[in-house]
Protein backbone atom coordinates (compact mmCIF):
# COMPACT_ATOMS: atom_id res chain seq x y z
CA MET A 1 12.54 -34.56 -34.79
CA THR A 2 14.29 -31.83 -36.78
CA ILE A 3 14.83 -32.82 -40.39
CA HIS A 4 16.41 -30.23 -42.66
CA LEU A 5 14.94 -30.73 -46.10
CA SER A 6 17.64 -28.59 -47.72
CA ILE A 7 20.23 -31.18 -46.69
CA LEU A 8 18.01 -33.91 -48.11
CA ILE A 9 17.80 -32.11 -51.47
CA PHE A 10 21.29 -30.72 -51.96
CA TRP A 11 23.43 -33.46 -50.42
CA PRO A 12 23.46 -35.49 -53.69
CA LEU A 13 24.41 -32.38 -55.67
CA ALA A 14 27.27 -31.56 -53.28
CA PHE A 15 28.73 -35.05 -53.54
CA GLY A 16 28.12 -35.11 -57.28
CA VAL A 17 30.33 -32.01 -57.56
CA LEU A 18 32.94 -33.65 -55.33
CA GLY A 19 32.74 -36.79 -57.45
CA ALA A 20 33.48 -34.70 -60.54
CA ILE A 21 36.79 -33.42 -59.16
CA VAL A 22 38.16 -36.53 -57.44
CA PRO A 23 40.01 -39.32 -59.29
CA ARG A 24 37.71 -41.32 -61.52
CA ARG A 25 38.02 -44.49 -59.47
CA ALA A 26 36.63 -42.69 -56.40
CA ALA A 27 33.73 -40.97 -58.21
CA PRO A 28 31.21 -43.84 -57.82
CA VAL A 29 31.93 -43.89 -54.06
CA PHE A 30 31.04 -40.20 -53.82
CA ALA A 31 27.87 -40.84 -55.83
CA LEU A 32 26.92 -43.60 -53.39
CA VAL A 33 27.55 -41.42 -50.31
CA GLY A 34 25.51 -38.69 -51.98
CA ALA A 35 22.60 -41.13 -52.33
CA LEU A 36 22.80 -42.89 -48.95
CA VAL A 37 22.28 -39.80 -46.79
CA PRO A 38 18.94 -38.92 -48.47
CA LEU A 39 17.93 -42.56 -48.02
CA GLY A 40 18.66 -42.31 -44.30
CA TYR A 41 16.78 -39.01 -44.09
CA SER A 42 13.73 -40.46 -45.85
CA ILE A 43 13.65 -43.45 -43.49
CA LEU A 44 13.73 -41.07 -40.52
CA MET A 45 10.82 -39.13 -42.06
CA LEU A 46 8.78 -42.30 -42.50
CA LEU A 47 9.31 -43.16 -38.84
CA ASP A 48 8.72 -39.64 -37.53
CA PHE A 49 5.86 -38.49 -39.79
CA ASP A 50 2.61 -37.73 -37.97
CA PRO A 51 -0.38 -38.71 -40.18
CA ALA A 52 -2.79 -36.95 -37.81
CA ALA A 53 -1.11 -33.55 -38.23
CA ARG A 54 -2.72 -31.12 -40.67
CA GLY A 55 -0.63 -29.20 -43.11
CA LEU A 56 3.03 -29.49 -43.99
CA GLN A 57 5.67 -31.00 -41.75
CA TYR A 58 9.42 -30.19 -41.64
CA LEU A 59 8.52 -26.84 -43.22
CA THR A 60 11.18 -24.51 -44.62
CA ASP A 61 9.89 -21.13 -45.78
CA ASP A 62 12.23 -18.28 -46.74
CA GLU A 63 11.89 -15.43 -49.19
CA TRP A 64 14.00 -16.15 -52.24
CA ILE A 65 13.07 -13.60 -54.94
CA PRO A 66 10.80 -11.10 -53.11
CA ASP A 67 10.14 -8.95 -56.19
CA LEU A 68 8.62 -11.96 -57.97
CA GLY A 69 6.90 -13.42 -54.91
CA ILE A 70 8.94 -16.65 -55.14
CA HIS A 71 9.69 -18.41 -51.85
CA TYR A 72 12.17 -21.11 -51.01
CA ARG A 73 9.39 -23.20 -49.50
CA LEU A 74 9.77 -26.91 -48.80
CA GLY A 75 7.53 -29.30 -46.90
CA VAL A 76 6.31 -32.86 -46.52
CA ASP A 77 2.78 -34.25 -46.35
CA GLY A 78 1.02 -37.44 -47.34
CA LEU A 79 1.31 -36.68 -51.06
CA ASN A 80 5.09 -36.62 -51.27
CA LEU A 81 6.33 -38.54 -48.19
CA TRP A 82 6.53 -41.97 -49.81
CA LEU A 83 7.57 -40.60 -53.20
CA VAL A 84 10.61 -39.00 -51.53
CA ALA A 85 11.41 -42.36 -49.90
CA LEU A 86 11.02 -44.12 -53.27
CA THR A 87 13.34 -41.62 -54.95
CA SER A 88 16.07 -42.00 -52.34
CA LEU A 89 15.82 -45.81 -52.47
CA LEU A 90 16.11 -46.06 -56.26
CA PHE A 91 18.99 -43.59 -56.49
CA ALA A 92 20.84 -45.41 -53.70
CA ALA A 93 20.39 -48.77 -55.46
CA SER A 94 21.56 -47.35 -58.80
CA ALA A 95 24.55 -45.69 -57.12
CA LEU A 96 25.46 -49.02 -55.57
CA TRP A 97 25.23 -50.61 -59.02
CA LEU A 98 27.72 -48.01 -60.27
CA ILE A 99 30.18 -49.03 -57.56
CA PHE A 100 30.33 -52.53 -59.02
CA ARG A 101 30.09 -51.44 -62.67
CA PRO A 102 31.65 -47.97 -62.96
CA PRO A 103 30.84 -46.29 -66.29
CA PRO A 104 33.37 -44.57 -68.56
CA ARG A 105 34.07 -40.99 -67.46
CA ALA A 106 32.81 -41.90 -64.02
CA SER A 107 33.51 -38.44 -62.59
CA GLN A 108 31.18 -36.74 -65.06
CA PHE A 109 28.55 -39.41 -64.60
CA ALA A 110 28.65 -38.90 -60.81
CA LEU A 111 28.03 -35.18 -61.30
CA HIS A 112 24.98 -35.68 -63.53
CA PHE A 113 23.70 -38.43 -61.26
CA GLY A 114 23.83 -36.08 -58.25
CA ILE A 115 22.11 -33.28 -60.18
CA ALA A 116 19.36 -35.70 -61.18
CA GLU A 117 18.60 -36.76 -57.62
CA THR A 118 18.64 -33.17 -56.37
CA ALA A 119 16.22 -32.13 -59.14
CA VAL A 120 13.77 -34.97 -58.47
CA LEU A 121 13.79 -34.50 -54.69
CA GLY A 122 13.45 -30.75 -55.14
CA ALA A 123 10.41 -31.16 -57.37
CA PHE A 124 8.72 -33.48 -54.85
CA LEU A 125 9.46 -31.26 -51.84
CA SER A 126 8.76 -27.84 -53.40
CA GLN A 127 5.75 -26.01 -52.01
CA ASP A 128 6.16 -22.97 -54.29
CA LEU A 129 5.14 -23.08 -57.94
CA GLY A 130 8.19 -21.13 -59.12
CA LEU A 131 10.52 -23.47 -57.23
CA PHE A 132 8.69 -26.52 -58.58
CA VAL A 133 9.11 -25.30 -62.17
CA LEU A 134 12.83 -24.74 -61.57
CA PHE A 135 13.43 -28.27 -60.32
CA PHE A 136 11.06 -29.75 -62.93
CA ASP A 137 13.10 -28.18 -65.73
CA LEU A 138 16.42 -29.05 -64.08
CA MET A 139 15.56 -32.76 -64.28
CA LEU A 140 15.93 -32.62 -68.05
CA VAL A 141 19.59 -31.53 -68.00
CA PRO A 142 21.35 -34.54 -66.39
CA PHE A 143 19.29 -37.14 -68.25
CA TYR A 144 20.03 -35.40 -71.54
CA PHE A 145 23.76 -35.80 -70.91
CA MET A 146 23.47 -39.32 -69.50
CA LEU A 147 21.58 -40.39 -72.62
CA GLY A 148 23.70 -38.44 -75.09
CA ILE A 149 27.13 -39.34 -73.64
CA TRP A 150 26.66 -42.74 -72.00
CA GLY A 151 23.80 -44.02 -74.13
CA THR A 152 24.05 -47.59 -75.38
CA HIS A 153 22.37 -47.09 -78.78
CA PRO A 154 24.11 -45.75 -81.93
CA ASP A 155 21.36 -43.10 -82.28
CA ARG A 156 21.72 -41.88 -78.70
CA ILE A 157 22.38 -38.25 -79.75
CA ALA A 158 19.20 -38.11 -81.83
CA ALA A 159 17.28 -39.77 -78.98
CA ALA A 160 18.58 -37.19 -76.50
CA VAL A 161 17.64 -34.31 -78.81
CA LYS A 162 14.16 -35.74 -79.38
CA MET A 163 13.64 -36.11 -75.62
CA VAL A 164 14.74 -32.51 -75.05
CA VAL A 165 12.51 -31.12 -77.80
CA TYR A 166 9.41 -32.89 -76.49
CA THR A 167 9.94 -32.14 -72.81
CA LEU A 168 11.22 -28.61 -73.38
CA VAL A 169 8.00 -27.71 -75.18
CA GLY A 170 6.07 -28.95 -72.16
CA SER A 171 8.39 -27.12 -69.77
CA LEU A 172 7.99 -23.82 -71.60
CA LEU A 173 4.22 -24.21 -71.57
CA MET A 174 4.32 -24.87 -67.83
CA LEU A 175 6.61 -21.88 -67.20
CA ALA A 176 4.20 -19.56 -69.01
CA ALA A 177 1.22 -21.11 -67.21
CA ALA A 178 2.92 -20.80 -63.80
CA ALA A 179 3.66 -17.11 -64.36
CA ALA A 180 0.08 -16.51 -65.52
CA THR A 181 -1.31 -18.33 -62.49
CA ALA A 182 0.66 -16.18 -60.04
CA VAL A 183 -0.03 -12.88 -61.81
CA LEU A 184 -3.76 -13.48 -62.28
CA SER A 185 -4.15 -14.77 -58.70
CA ALA A 186 -2.55 -11.70 -57.13
CA ARG A 187 -5.05 -9.58 -55.23
CA GLY A 188 -3.22 -6.34 -55.83
CA PRO A 189 0.14 -4.68 -56.48
CA GLY A 190 2.92 -6.08 -54.35
CA GLU A 191 0.94 -9.24 -53.48
CA LEU A 192 2.41 -11.54 -56.12
CA SER A 193 3.00 -15.03 -54.74
CA PHE A 194 3.86 -18.44 -56.17
CA ALA A 195 3.26 -20.33 -52.90
CA PHE A 196 0.79 -23.19 -53.37
CA SER A 197 -1.15 -22.15 -50.25
CA ASP A 198 -1.65 -18.61 -51.57
CA LEU A 199 -2.63 -19.78 -55.04
CA VAL A 200 -5.22 -22.18 -53.61
CA ALA A 201 -6.68 -19.38 -51.48
CA ASN A 202 -6.95 -17.04 -54.50
CA ARG A 203 -8.48 -19.41 -57.00
CA LEU A 204 -8.88 -18.27 -60.60
CA PRO A 205 -12.21 -17.98 -62.47
CA GLU A 206 -13.32 -21.07 -64.37
CA SER A 207 -12.69 -19.62 -67.84
CA THR A 208 -9.12 -18.68 -66.88
CA GLN A 209 -8.49 -22.03 -65.24
CA LYS A 210 -9.21 -23.86 -68.50
CA TRP A 211 -6.43 -22.52 -70.69
CA ILE A 212 -3.86 -22.55 -67.88
CA PHE A 213 -4.78 -26.13 -66.99
CA ILE A 214 -4.28 -27.20 -70.62
CA ALA A 215 -0.67 -25.96 -70.48
CA PHE A 216 0.06 -27.81 -67.23
CA ALA A 217 -1.67 -30.97 -68.47
CA LEU A 218 0.38 -31.04 -71.69
CA ALA A 219 3.63 -30.61 -69.74
CA PHE A 220 2.77 -33.44 -67.36
CA LEU A 221 1.44 -35.79 -70.04
CA ILE A 222 4.61 -35.35 -72.11
CA LYS A 223 6.79 -36.09 -69.09
CA MET A 224 4.89 -39.28 -68.18
CA PRO A 225 4.57 -39.96 -71.22
CA ALA A 226 0.95 -40.55 -72.25
CA PHE A 227 -0.52 -41.33 -75.66
CA PRO A 228 -0.15 -39.58 -78.11
CA LEU A 229 2.69 -37.51 -76.60
CA HIS A 230 5.06 -40.43 -76.16
CA GLY A 231 7.12 -40.11 -79.34
CA TRP A 232 10.37 -39.50 -77.45
CA MET A 233 9.98 -42.53 -75.17
CA PRO A 234 11.04 -45.54 -77.33
CA ASP A 235 14.37 -44.03 -78.40
CA ALA A 236 15.12 -42.78 -74.88
CA TYR A 237 14.41 -46.17 -73.31
CA ARG A 238 16.41 -47.98 -75.99
CA GLY A 239 19.49 -45.83 -75.49
CA MET A 240 19.68 -44.66 -71.89
CA PRO A 241 22.26 -46.41 -69.66
CA LEU A 242 20.44 -48.87 -67.43
CA PRO A 243 21.30 -47.35 -63.99
CA ALA A 244 20.00 -44.01 -65.24
CA LEU A 245 16.97 -45.64 -66.86
CA ALA A 246 16.08 -47.34 -63.57
CA VAL A 247 15.64 -44.01 -61.78
CA PHE A 248 14.24 -42.28 -64.85
CA SER A 249 11.44 -44.82 -65.29
CA GLY A 250 10.99 -45.33 -61.55
CA VAL A 251 10.61 -41.75 -60.32
CA VAL A 252 10.99 -39.06 -63.00
CA SER A 253 7.71 -39.98 -64.66
CA LYS A 254 6.05 -39.91 -61.22
CA VAL A 255 6.88 -36.21 -60.85
CA ALA A 256 4.31 -35.57 -63.58
CA ALA A 257 1.63 -37.62 -61.80
CA TYR A 258 2.51 -35.86 -58.55
CA GLY A 259 2.18 -32.52 -60.37
CA PHE A 260 -1.42 -33.33 -61.26
CA LEU A 261 -2.18 -34.05 -57.60
CA ARG A 262 -0.20 -31.17 -56.11
CA ILE A 263 -0.97 -28.46 -58.67
CA ALA A 264 -3.77 -29.25 -61.11
CA LEU A 265 -6.48 -30.62 -58.81
CA PRO A 266 -6.33 -28.01 -56.00
CA LEU A 267 -5.52 -24.97 -58.19
CA PHE A 268 -7.76 -25.64 -61.21
CA PRO A 269 -10.67 -27.78 -59.94
CA ASP A 270 -13.26 -26.33 -62.33
CA ALA A 271 -11.02 -27.02 -65.32
CA VAL A 272 -10.27 -30.54 -64.05
CA HIS A 273 -13.99 -31.24 -63.86
CA ASP A 274 -14.56 -29.79 -67.34
CA PHE A 275 -11.73 -31.80 -68.94
CA GLN A 276 -12.27 -34.93 -66.85
CA THR A 277 -13.70 -37.02 -69.68
CA ILE A 278 -10.89 -36.07 -72.07
CA LEU A 279 -8.23 -37.01 -69.51
CA LEU A 280 -9.97 -40.31 -68.79
CA VAL A 281 -10.02 -41.08 -72.53
CA VAL A 282 -6.28 -40.31 -72.72
CA ALA A 283 -5.67 -42.58 -69.72
CA VAL A 284 -7.62 -45.51 -71.16
CA ILE A 285 -5.97 -45.21 -74.58
CA SER A 286 -2.54 -45.11 -72.89
CA ILE A 287 -3.40 -48.28 -70.97
CA LEU A 288 -4.54 -50.21 -74.03
CA TYR A 289 -1.92 -48.86 -76.43
CA GLY A 290 0.95 -49.36 -73.99
CA SER A 291 -0.20 -52.88 -73.15
CA LEU A 292 -0.59 -53.93 -76.79
CA MET A 293 2.76 -52.43 -77.77
CA ALA A 294 4.48 -54.16 -74.84
CA PHE A 295 3.12 -57.47 -76.14
CA THR A 296 4.51 -56.89 -79.64
CA GLN A 297 8.06 -55.87 -78.65
CA THR A 298 11.05 -58.19 -78.42
CA ASN A 299 13.49 -55.70 -76.92
CA ALA A 300 13.25 -56.09 -73.14
CA ARG A 301 13.77 -52.38 -72.56
CA LEU A 302 10.87 -51.46 -74.80
CA ILE A 303 8.62 -54.05 -73.18
CA LEU A 304 9.20 -52.30 -69.86
CA GLY A 305 8.90 -48.89 -71.51
CA TYR A 306 5.49 -49.56 -72.98
CA SER A 307 4.34 -51.38 -69.85
CA SER A 308 5.34 -48.28 -67.87
CA MET A 309 3.24 -46.22 -70.24
CA ALA A 310 0.28 -48.50 -69.50
CA GLN A 311 0.86 -48.25 -65.75
CA LEU A 312 1.02 -44.46 -65.95
CA GLY A 313 -2.28 -44.63 -67.81
CA PHE A 314 -3.74 -46.38 -64.77
CA ILE A 315 -2.26 -43.67 -62.53
CA THR A 316 -3.82 -40.94 -64.70
CA LEU A 317 -7.13 -42.80 -64.62
CA GLY A 318 -7.12 -42.84 -60.82
CA ILE A 319 -6.17 -39.18 -60.50
CA PHE A 320 -9.08 -38.03 -62.65
CA ALA A 321 -11.65 -40.54 -61.42
CA ALA A 322 -12.69 -37.91 -58.86
CA ASP A 323 -14.87 -40.29 -56.84
CA ASN A 324 -16.40 -39.17 -53.55
CA ALA A 325 -14.14 -41.38 -51.41
CA ALA A 326 -11.00 -40.33 -53.36
CA ALA A 327 -10.16 -44.02 -53.75
CA GLY A 328 -9.00 -43.51 -57.33
CA ALA A 329 -6.51 -40.77 -56.45
CA GLN A 330 -5.25 -42.72 -53.46
CA GLY A 331 -4.78 -45.77 -55.69
CA ALA A 332 -2.91 -43.58 -58.19
CA LEU A 333 -0.49 -42.48 -55.50
CA MET A 334 -0.04 -46.07 -54.33
CA GLN A 335 0.53 -47.24 -57.89
CA SER A 336 3.15 -44.54 -58.41
CA ILE A 337 5.11 -46.00 -55.51
CA ASN A 338 4.49 -49.62 -56.54
CA HIS A 339 5.51 -49.10 -60.14
CA GLY A 340 8.76 -47.41 -59.13
CA LEU A 341 9.57 -50.24 -56.73
CA VAL A 342 8.97 -52.86 -59.42
CA VAL A 343 10.28 -51.36 -62.65
CA ALA A 344 13.71 -50.35 -61.30
CA PRO A 345 14.85 -53.88 -60.34
CA MET A 346 13.39 -55.27 -63.57
CA ILE A 347 15.48 -52.82 -65.57
CA LEU A 348 18.60 -53.86 -63.65
CA VAL A 349 17.72 -57.51 -64.27
CA ILE A 350 17.80 -56.74 -68.00
CA ALA A 351 21.48 -55.87 -67.63
CA LEU A 352 22.12 -59.22 -65.92
CA LEU A 353 20.22 -61.09 -68.63
CA ALA A 354 22.18 -59.29 -71.34
CA GLU A 355 25.43 -60.37 -69.67
CA ARG A 356 24.26 -63.95 -70.08
CA SER A 357 23.09 -63.49 -73.69
CA ALA A 358 26.25 -62.13 -75.32
CA GLY A 359 25.13 -58.55 -74.69
CA SER A 360 21.74 -58.87 -76.41
CA GLU A 361 18.63 -57.36 -74.79
CA ASP A 362 16.32 -59.14 -77.26
CA ILE A 363 14.20 -61.79 -75.53
CA ARG A 364 14.57 -64.01 -78.62
CA ASP A 365 18.28 -64.35 -77.79
CA MET A 366 17.60 -65.33 -74.18
CA GLY A 367 15.96 -68.40 -72.66
CA GLY A 368 17.09 -71.30 -70.54
CA ILE A 369 18.81 -69.04 -68.03
CA ALA A 370 16.76 -70.23 -65.05
CA PHE A 371 18.26 -73.72 -65.00
CA ARG A 372 21.61 -72.57 -63.65
CA ALA A 373 20.44 -69.29 -62.09
CA PRO A 374 17.46 -70.17 -59.88
CA VAL A 375 18.05 -67.28 -57.45
CA LEU A 376 18.08 -64.74 -60.27
CA ALA A 377 14.98 -66.39 -61.70
CA GLY A 378 13.26 -66.20 -58.32
CA LEU A 379 14.04 -62.51 -57.84
CA PHE A 380 12.88 -61.77 -61.38
CA LEU A 381 9.68 -63.77 -60.79
CA VAL A 382 8.74 -61.73 -57.71
CA ALA A 383 9.09 -58.50 -59.68
CA THR A 384 7.19 -59.97 -62.65
CA LEU A 385 4.25 -61.12 -60.52
CA ALA A 386 4.10 -57.67 -58.96
CA THR A 387 4.07 -56.08 -62.42
CA LEU A 388 0.99 -58.03 -63.46
CA ALA A 389 -0.74 -57.06 -60.16
CA MET A 390 -0.99 -60.55 -58.74
CA PRO A 391 -3.36 -60.58 -55.72
CA GLY A 392 -1.24 -60.09 -52.63
CA SER A 393 1.13 -57.66 -54.36
CA GLY A 394 1.28 -53.92 -53.78
CA ASN A 395 0.37 -53.31 -57.42
CA PHE A 396 -2.87 -55.20 -56.84
CA VAL A 397 -3.81 -52.78 -54.06
CA GLY A 398 -3.08 -49.76 -56.25
CA GLU A 399 -4.94 -51.02 -59.30
CA PHE A 400 -7.86 -52.22 -57.20
CA LEU A 401 -8.29 -48.77 -55.65
CA ILE A 402 -7.97 -47.10 -59.05
CA LEU A 403 -10.60 -49.33 -60.64
CA LEU A 404 -12.84 -49.06 -57.57
CA GLY A 405 -12.72 -45.26 -57.63
CA THR A 406 -13.27 -45.17 -61.38
CA PHE A 407 -16.16 -47.64 -61.18
CA ASN A 408 -17.87 -45.48 -58.55
CA SER A 409 -17.70 -42.39 -60.76
CA GLN A 410 -17.14 -43.51 -64.37
CA GLN A 411 -18.20 -47.12 -64.87
CA VAL A 412 -17.57 -47.32 -68.62
CA PHE A 413 -13.95 -46.25 -68.26
CA ALA A 414 -13.43 -48.73 -65.42
CA PHE A 415 -14.65 -51.64 -67.57
CA ILE A 416 -12.44 -50.64 -70.53
CA ALA A 417 -9.40 -50.10 -68.30
CA SER A 418 -9.83 -53.54 -66.74
CA ILE A 419 -8.80 -55.00 -70.11
CA GLY A 420 -5.36 -53.58 -69.37
CA VAL A 421 -5.12 -55.78 -66.27
CA VAL A 422 -5.57 -58.86 -68.45
CA LEU A 423 -3.07 -57.63 -71.03
CA ALA A 424 -0.50 -56.95 -68.30
CA SER A 425 -0.47 -60.61 -67.36
CA VAL A 426 0.19 -61.48 -71.01
CA TYR A 427 3.19 -59.21 -71.65
CA ALA A 428 4.71 -59.70 -68.18
CA LEU A 429 4.59 -63.50 -68.33
CA ARG A 430 5.77 -63.46 -71.95
CA LEU A 431 8.82 -61.45 -70.91
CA TYR A 432 9.62 -63.76 -68.02
CA ILE A 433 9.07 -67.06 -69.85
CA ARG A 434 11.02 -66.03 -72.96
CA ALA A 435 13.91 -64.66 -70.88
CA MET A 436 14.22 -67.38 -68.25
CA HIS A 437 12.69 -70.57 -69.67
CA ASN A 438 11.88 -72.09 -73.06
CA ARG A 439 14.81 -73.11 -75.25
CA THR A 440 18.28 -71.91 -74.41
CA GLY A 441 19.30 -68.95 -76.56
CA PRO A 442 22.01 -69.48 -79.20
CA ALA A 443 24.66 -67.50 -77.28
CA VAL A 444 23.37 -67.92 -73.72
CA THR A 445 25.81 -68.67 -70.92
CA SER A 446 23.75 -69.37 -67.83
CA PHE A 447 25.27 -68.69 -64.42
CA GLU A 448 23.99 -67.66 -61.01
CA ILE A 449 23.71 -64.11 -59.75
CA SER A 450 26.87 -62.88 -57.99
CA LEU A 451 27.16 -61.63 -54.43
CA ARG A 452 27.59 -58.03 -55.54
CA ASP A 453 24.38 -58.22 -57.56
CA HIS A 454 22.64 -59.75 -54.54
CA VAL A 455 23.54 -56.59 -52.61
CA VAL A 456 21.72 -54.45 -55.18
CA LEU A 457 18.71 -56.58 -56.11
CA VAL A 458 17.75 -58.38 -52.88
CA PRO A 459 16.91 -55.19 -50.92
CA HIS A 460 14.81 -54.05 -53.90
CA VAL A 461 12.84 -57.28 -53.97
CA LEU A 462 12.45 -57.27 -50.18
CA ALA A 463 11.01 -53.75 -50.44
CA ILE A 464 8.48 -55.03 -53.00
CA VAL A 465 7.46 -57.87 -50.68
CA ALA A 466 7.35 -55.65 -47.58
CA PHE A 467 5.18 -53.06 -49.32
CA ALA A 468 2.86 -55.82 -50.55
CA LEU A 469 2.50 -57.31 -47.06
CA LYS A 470 1.97 -53.99 -45.31
CA PRO A 471 0.69 -51.18 -47.54
CA GLN A 472 -1.42 -49.73 -44.73
CA PRO A 473 1.13 -47.15 -43.47
CA ALA A 474 1.35 -45.57 -46.93
CA LEU A 475 -2.44 -45.55 -47.23
CA GLU A 476 -2.85 -43.95 -43.79
CA HIS A 477 -0.20 -41.32 -44.48
CA ALA A 478 -1.67 -40.40 -47.86
CA GLU A 479 -5.42 -40.49 -47.21
CA PRO A 480 -5.94 -37.05 -45.56
CA ALA A 481 -3.79 -35.22 -48.13
CA VAL A 482 -5.38 -37.02 -51.08
CA LYS A 483 -8.90 -36.21 -49.89
CA ARG A 484 -7.92 -32.54 -49.50
CA VAL A 485 -6.75 -32.23 -53.12
CA VAL A 486 -9.73 -34.12 -54.55
CA ALA A 487 -12.33 -32.16 -52.51
CA PRO A 488 -12.17 -28.97 -54.67
CA VAL A 489 -12.87 -31.01 -57.81
CA LEU A 490 -15.90 -32.63 -56.17
CA GLN A 491 -17.13 -29.22 -55.01
CA ALA A 492 -16.67 -27.79 -58.50
CA GLY A 493 -18.69 -30.64 -59.99
CA GLY A 494 -21.42 -30.16 -57.40
CA ALA A 495 -21.56 -26.42 -58.03
CA GLN A 496 -21.80 -26.89 -61.79
CA ARG A 497 -24.59 -29.44 -61.41
CA ALA A 498 -26.48 -27.14 -59.04
CA ALA A 499 -26.13 -24.22 -61.47
CA ALA A 500 -27.43 -26.37 -64.33
CA GLU A 501 -30.49 -27.42 -62.30
CA VAL A 502 -31.58 -23.84 -61.50
CA ARG A 503 -31.11 -22.67 -65.08
CA PRO A 504 -34.47 -22.00 -66.77
């Protein structure tokens, strides 16, 4: 089957531009059409993808800036296949939400929404480091405007500036590191290339890998965010409009985790091995800190924000577990998909709960909603149980693989990280019980979920259940690619151990 990845990437942008020039009432429709076509494309890719094939599928490779060695190179493999599908699903659901609840200045919002989806899909599908950096930086622009213009918090401008300052520092570091990687990897004059395949073939010396890897790692850890680089996160989560926050939390943070797998592990394996312990410490601290902070918050947005931080700590833990079977990295990829599937509908549920609590997103103002809204309570319960990795959920599979891989290579970190599994059950159940049960809040008006909200939330929850019942296709698609990116790190560790043994 012929699937043109350029259409997949730029269709949302094209309809975002059209949405900006049509009458405001029609703008959300254009945003929805811009999101549905990528969703259809991603479903076709899932059905047509050949897990037995080596290398990239649906490849596009054209010279873009020959003098700089930058190619317009796109492709799909087991690392990005399901992340592309997740992205298209979440953007389609959020676009459908906008149909029923159009924001002010809907035309402008449609434009930024289309740019955001194009940037995220472009980052996932890029197979050239220069192209990846371009899309990675482009992601910042639409979310800055969506937070600054449509934000729901009085300090939204300050929150947007803080987010830009943090992430721009990381982006500039990554830009410098990407240029250094291509220049130092070039074999001679006129052979400059940013293509991932060329950079992997011309690997840098260990000493050079270290300082370049630090720049990439800082950029990705800021974007996630991970402790202690998360200072921008609380204000951004508190102020961002909920449809934008659903895709931001669901997929934008996953671009950073994907960057570790796509770029850091295969290009800088010696540095990854050298800094493995430091990254595992960062991951464990993020798990514990995020979990404890989620337990102490009363704002529902911040509970999900800090819980996302904890989940991204688990993902980081799996990526850098570097076990021989690559179970940790495979679990990290699975957890990236699972977390996106779960957190997006939970964020949208917050909007529904606020409608029933006089606009408040504080769980102390909620309660008693389940009595007259059992369907909403049931949908929320499915997402909550998935969040705490209940056995039988997709999150359980991801966390189990992460902890298994970490236990096989770094037992101490696995035992400490397992505390986060216990804490997740505490903050997830606390959120659900305080929001749906207990005493009825002072301004609560409990009523059932409407048909239009069924259209948005039910497919989300069905996707959570379907992925929990049958995660095997995603595991089979990802396994060969994950093992390929982890193999250089294992080889680097083996080579360093062998060199240490022969040293007098």
